[in-house]
Amino acid sequence: MFEFERITYDQNVMGGKATIRGMRVTVSLVVNLVANGMSADEISEAYPYLEREDIRQALHFAAWLAEETVHPVELAS
């Protein structure tokens, strides 16, 4: 498993979603910004407290999650 030292979880921050270094910036926000065409430079300009390594690690984390196997569970009727 990869180690993501910049990706944090805290129930008191953004409802426990994966965030960058405990800030109120979620991994999903960073991924959506990139998916909508923003470059790392543009993201850094819009969010000056984010470091380039934060952006890189958020994308790496999202890619790692996408590789995980999902095992559906049937609900009892």
N, C-alpha and C. Protein backbone atom coordinates (compact mmCIF):
# COMPACT_ATOMS: atom_id res chain seq x y z
N MET A 1 0.85 -1.18 0.00
CA MET A 1 0.00 0.00 0.00
C MET A 1 0.89 1.24 0.00
N PHE A 2 0.43 2.26 -0.67
CA PHE A 2 1.15 3.52 -0.72
C PHE A 2 0.93 4.30 0.57
N GLU A 3 1.88 5.13 0.90
CA GLU A 3 1.72 5.99 2.06
C GLU A 3 1.42 7.40 1.56
N PHE A 4 0.35 7.96 2.04
CA PHE A 4 -0.08 9.30 1.65
C PHE A 4 -0.03 10.20 2.87
N GLU A 5 1.13 10.75 3.15
CA GLU A 5 1.29 11.54 4.37
C GLU A 5 0.57 12.88 4.33
N ARG A 6 0.18 13.34 3.15
CA ARG A 6 -0.53 14.62 3.04
C ARG A 6 -2.05 14.46 3.01
N ILE A 7 -2.51 13.23 2.89
CA ILE A 7 -3.95 12.96 2.83
C ILE A 7 -4.40 12.58 4.24
N THR A 8 -5.38 13.32 4.76
CA THR A 8 -5.83 13.11 6.13
C THR A 8 -7.34 12.92 6.19
N TYR A 9 -7.76 12.27 7.27
CA TYR A 9 -9.17 12.07 7.57
C TYR A 9 -9.43 12.55 8.98
N ASP A 10 -10.48 13.31 9.16
CA ASP A 10 -10.88 13.78 10.49
C ASP A 10 -12.39 14.01 10.44
N GLN A 11 -13.12 13.32 11.30
CA GLN A 11 -14.59 13.46 11.32
C GLN A 11 -15.02 14.90 11.53
N ASN A 12 -14.18 15.72 12.13
CA ASN A 12 -14.52 17.11 12.41
C ASN A 12 -14.15 18.06 11.27
N VAL A 13 -13.54 17.54 10.23
CA VAL A 13 -13.14 18.37 9.08
C VAL A 13 -13.77 17.78 7.83
N MET A 14 -14.65 18.54 7.21
CA MET A 14 -15.32 18.14 5.97
C MET A 14 -16.03 16.78 6.09
N GLY A 15 -16.58 16.52 7.27
CA GLY A 15 -17.36 15.30 7.48
C GLY A 15 -16.58 14.01 7.34
N GLY A 16 -15.28 14.06 7.54
CA GLY A 16 -14.47 12.85 7.46
C GLY A 16 -13.98 12.50 6.07
N LYS A 17 -14.24 13.36 5.10
CA LYS A 17 -13.74 13.10 3.74
C LYS A 17 -12.23 13.24 3.71
N ALA A 18 -11.60 12.66 2.71
CA ALA A 18 -10.15 12.78 2.53
C ALA A 18 -9.82 14.23 2.22
N THR A 19 -8.95 14.82 3.03
CA THR A 19 -8.56 16.21 2.85
C THR A 19 -7.04 16.32 2.71
N ILE A 20 -6.61 17.51 2.32
CA ILE A 20 -5.19 17.80 2.18
C ILE A 20 -4.68 18.38 3.49
N ARG A 21 -3.78 17.70 4.14
CA ARG A 21 -3.11 18.16 5.36
C ARG A 21 -4.07 18.74 6.41
N GLY A 22 -5.26 18.15 6.54
CA GLY A 22 -6.20 18.58 7.56
C GLY A 22 -6.92 19.87 7.25
N MET A 23 -6.67 20.43 6.08
CA MET A 23 -7.34 21.67 5.70
C MET A 23 -8.73 21.36 5.17
N ARG A 24 -9.51 22.38 4.98
CA ARG A 24 -10.86 22.20 4.45
C ARG A 24 -10.84 22.17 2.92
N VAL A 25 -9.87 21.44 2.39
CA VAL A 25 -9.73 21.23 0.95
C VAL A 25 -9.73 19.72 0.74
N THR A 26 -10.76 19.22 0.05
CA THR A 26 -10.87 17.77 -0.14
C THR A 26 -10.09 17.31 -1.36
N VAL A 27 -9.74 16.03 -1.31
CA VAL A 27 -9.10 15.40 -2.46
C VAL A 27 -10.03 15.51 -3.66
N SER A 28 -11.32 15.31 -3.45
CA SER A 28 -12.27 15.37 -4.57
C SER A 28 -12.31 16.75 -5.21
N LEU A 29 -12.14 17.81 -4.43
CA LEU A 29 -12.09 19.16 -5.01
C LEU A 29 -10.90 19.27 -5.96
N VAL A 30 -9.74 18.84 -5.51
CA VAL A 30 -8.54 18.92 -6.35
C VAL A 30 -8.71 18.11 -7.62
N VAL A 31 -9.23 16.90 -7.50
CA VAL A 31 -9.45 16.05 -8.68
C VAL A 31 -10.44 16.70 -9.63
N ASN A 32 -11.51 17.27 -9.11
CA ASN A 32 -12.49 17.95 -9.97
C ASN A 32 -11.90 19.17 -10.67
N LEU A 33 -11.05 19.91 -9.99
CA LEU A 33 -10.41 21.07 -10.63
C LEU A 33 -9.55 20.62 -11.80
N VAL A 34 -8.78 19.55 -11.61
CA VAL A 34 -7.95 19.02 -12.70
C VAL A 34 -8.84 18.48 -13.82
N ALA A 35 -9.89 17.76 -13.46
CA ALA A 35 -10.80 17.19 -14.46
C ALA A 35 -11.48 18.27 -15.29
N ASN A 36 -11.65 19.46 -14.70
CA ASN A 36 -12.27 20.57 -15.42
C ASN A 36 -11.27 21.46 -16.12
N GLY A 37 -10.03 20.99 -16.21
CA GLY A 37 -9.05 21.66 -17.05
C GLY A 37 -8.07 22.59 -16.36
N MET A 38 -8.12 22.70 -15.05
CA MET A 38 -7.16 23.57 -14.36
C MET A 38 -5.80 22.90 -14.27
N SER A 39 -4.77 23.67 -14.50
CA SER A 39 -3.40 23.17 -14.35
C SER A 39 -2.98 23.28 -12.89
N ALA A 40 -1.88 22.63 -12.55
CA ALA A 40 -1.35 22.73 -11.19
C ALA A 40 -1.01 24.18 -10.86
N ASP A 41 -0.50 24.91 -11.83
CA ASP A 41 -0.18 26.33 -11.60
C ASP A 41 -1.44 27.14 -11.30
N GLU A 42 -2.51 26.88 -12.05
CA GLU A 42 -3.77 27.59 -11.82
C GLU A 42 -4.36 27.25 -10.46
N ILE A 43 -4.26 25.98 -10.08
CA ILE A 43 -4.77 25.57 -8.76
C ILE A 43 -3.96 26.24 -7.66
N SER A 44 -2.65 26.27 -7.83
CA SER A 44 -1.77 26.92 -6.84
C SER A 44 -2.07 28.41 -6.72
N GLU A 45 -2.42 29.02 -7.83
CA GLU A 45 -2.76 30.45 -7.81
C GLU A 45 -4.10 30.68 -7.09
N ALA A 46 -5.07 29.81 -7.37
CA ALA A 46 -6.39 29.94 -6.76
C ALA A 46 -6.39 29.54 -5.27
N TYR A 47 -5.53 28.61 -4.91
CA TYR A 47 -5.41 28.11 -3.54
C TYR A 47 -3.95 28.18 -3.13
N PRO A 48 -3.45 29.37 -2.79
CA PRO A 48 -2.02 29.56 -2.54
C PRO A 48 -1.46 28.76 -1.37
N TYR A 49 -2.32 28.26 -0.50
CA TYR A 49 -1.86 27.45 0.63
C TYR A 49 -1.63 26.00 0.24
N LEU A 50 -2.02 25.62 -1.00
CA LEU A 50 -1.72 24.27 -1.49
C LEU A 50 -0.35 24.26 -2.14
N GLU A 51 0.40 23.22 -1.86
CA GLU A 51 1.70 23.04 -2.49
C GLU A 51 1.55 22.08 -3.66
N ARG A 52 2.48 22.15 -4.59
CA ARG A 52 2.42 21.27 -5.75
C ARG A 52 2.38 19.79 -5.33
N GLU A 53 3.09 19.46 -4.28
CA GLU A 53 3.09 18.08 -3.78
C GLU A 53 1.71 17.69 -3.25
N ASP A 54 0.96 18.63 -2.71
CA ASP A 54 -0.42 18.36 -2.28
C ASP A 54 -1.27 17.93 -3.47
N ILE A 55 -1.13 18.66 -4.56
CA ILE A 55 -1.91 18.37 -5.77
C ILE A 55 -1.51 17.01 -6.33
N ARG A 56 -0.19 16.78 -6.42
CA ARG A 56 0.30 15.50 -6.95
C ARG A 56 -0.20 14.34 -6.09
N GLN A 57 -0.12 14.49 -4.78
CA GLN A 57 -0.52 13.40 -3.92
C GLN A 57 -2.04 13.17 -3.93
N ALA A 58 -2.82 14.23 -4.08
CA ALA A 58 -4.28 14.07 -4.20
C ALA A 58 -4.62 13.26 -5.44
N LEU A 59 -3.96 13.55 -6.55
CA LEU A 59 -4.21 12.79 -7.78
C LEU A 59 -3.74 11.35 -7.65
N HIS A 60 -2.59 11.16 -7.04
CA HIS A 60 -2.06 9.81 -6.83
C HIS A 60 -3.01 9.01 -5.93
N PHE A 61 -3.52 9.63 -4.88
CA PHE A 61 -4.46 8.98 -3.97
C PHE A 61 -5.74 8.59 -4.71
N ALA A 62 -6.27 9.49 -5.53
CA ALA A 62 -7.49 9.19 -6.29
C ALA A 62 -7.25 8.03 -7.25
N ALA A 63 -6.09 7.99 -7.89
CA ALA A 63 -5.76 6.89 -8.79
C ALA A 63 -5.67 5.58 -8.02
N TRP A 64 -5.06 5.63 -6.85
CA TRP A 64 -4.94 4.44 -6.01
C TRP A 64 -6.34 3.94 -5.62
N LEU A 65 -7.23 4.83 -5.23
CA LEU A 65 -8.60 4.43 -4.87
C LEU A 65 -9.33 3.80 -6.04
N ALA A 66 -9.11 4.33 -7.23
CA ALA A 66 -9.78 3.80 -8.42
C ALA A 66 -9.33 2.38 -8.74
N GLU A 67 -8.16 1.99 -8.28
CA GLU A 67 -7.64 0.64 -8.51
C GLU A 67 -8.16 -0.37 -7.49
N GLU A 68 -8.76 0.10 -6.43
CA GLU A 68 -9.27 -0.80 -5.40
C GLU A 68 -10.42 -1.64 -5.94
N THR A 69 -10.52 -2.86 -5.48
CA THR A 69 -11.60 -3.75 -5.88
C THR A 69 -12.81 -3.49 -4.99
N VAL A 70 -13.98 -3.37 -5.62
CA VAL A 70 -15.22 -3.14 -4.89
C VAL A 70 -15.99 -4.45 -4.85
N HIS A 71 -16.42 -4.85 -3.68
CA HIS A 71 -17.19 -6.09 -3.51
C HIS A 71 -18.60 -5.72 -3.07
N PRO A 72 -19.56 -5.75 -4.01
CA PRO A 72 -20.93 -5.39 -3.65
C PRO A 72 -21.50 -6.37 -2.61
N VAL A 73 -22.31 -5.85 -1.74
CA VAL A 73 -22.96 -6.66 -0.71
C VAL A 73 -24.46 -6.55 -0.93
N GLU A 74 -25.13 -7.72 -1.03
CA GLU A 74 -26.58 -7.70 -1.20
C GLU A 74 -27.24 -7.45 0.14
N LEU A 75 -28.26 -6.62 0.11
CA LEU A 75 -29.03 -6.35 1.32
C LEU A 75 -30.04 -7.47 1.55
N ALA A 76 -30.21 -7.84 2.79
CA ALA A 76 -31.21 -8.86 3.12
C ALA A 76 -32.60 -8.28 2.91
N SER A 77 -33.50 -9.11 2.39
CA SER A 77 -34.85 -8.60 2.16
C SER A 77 -35.78 -8.97 3.26
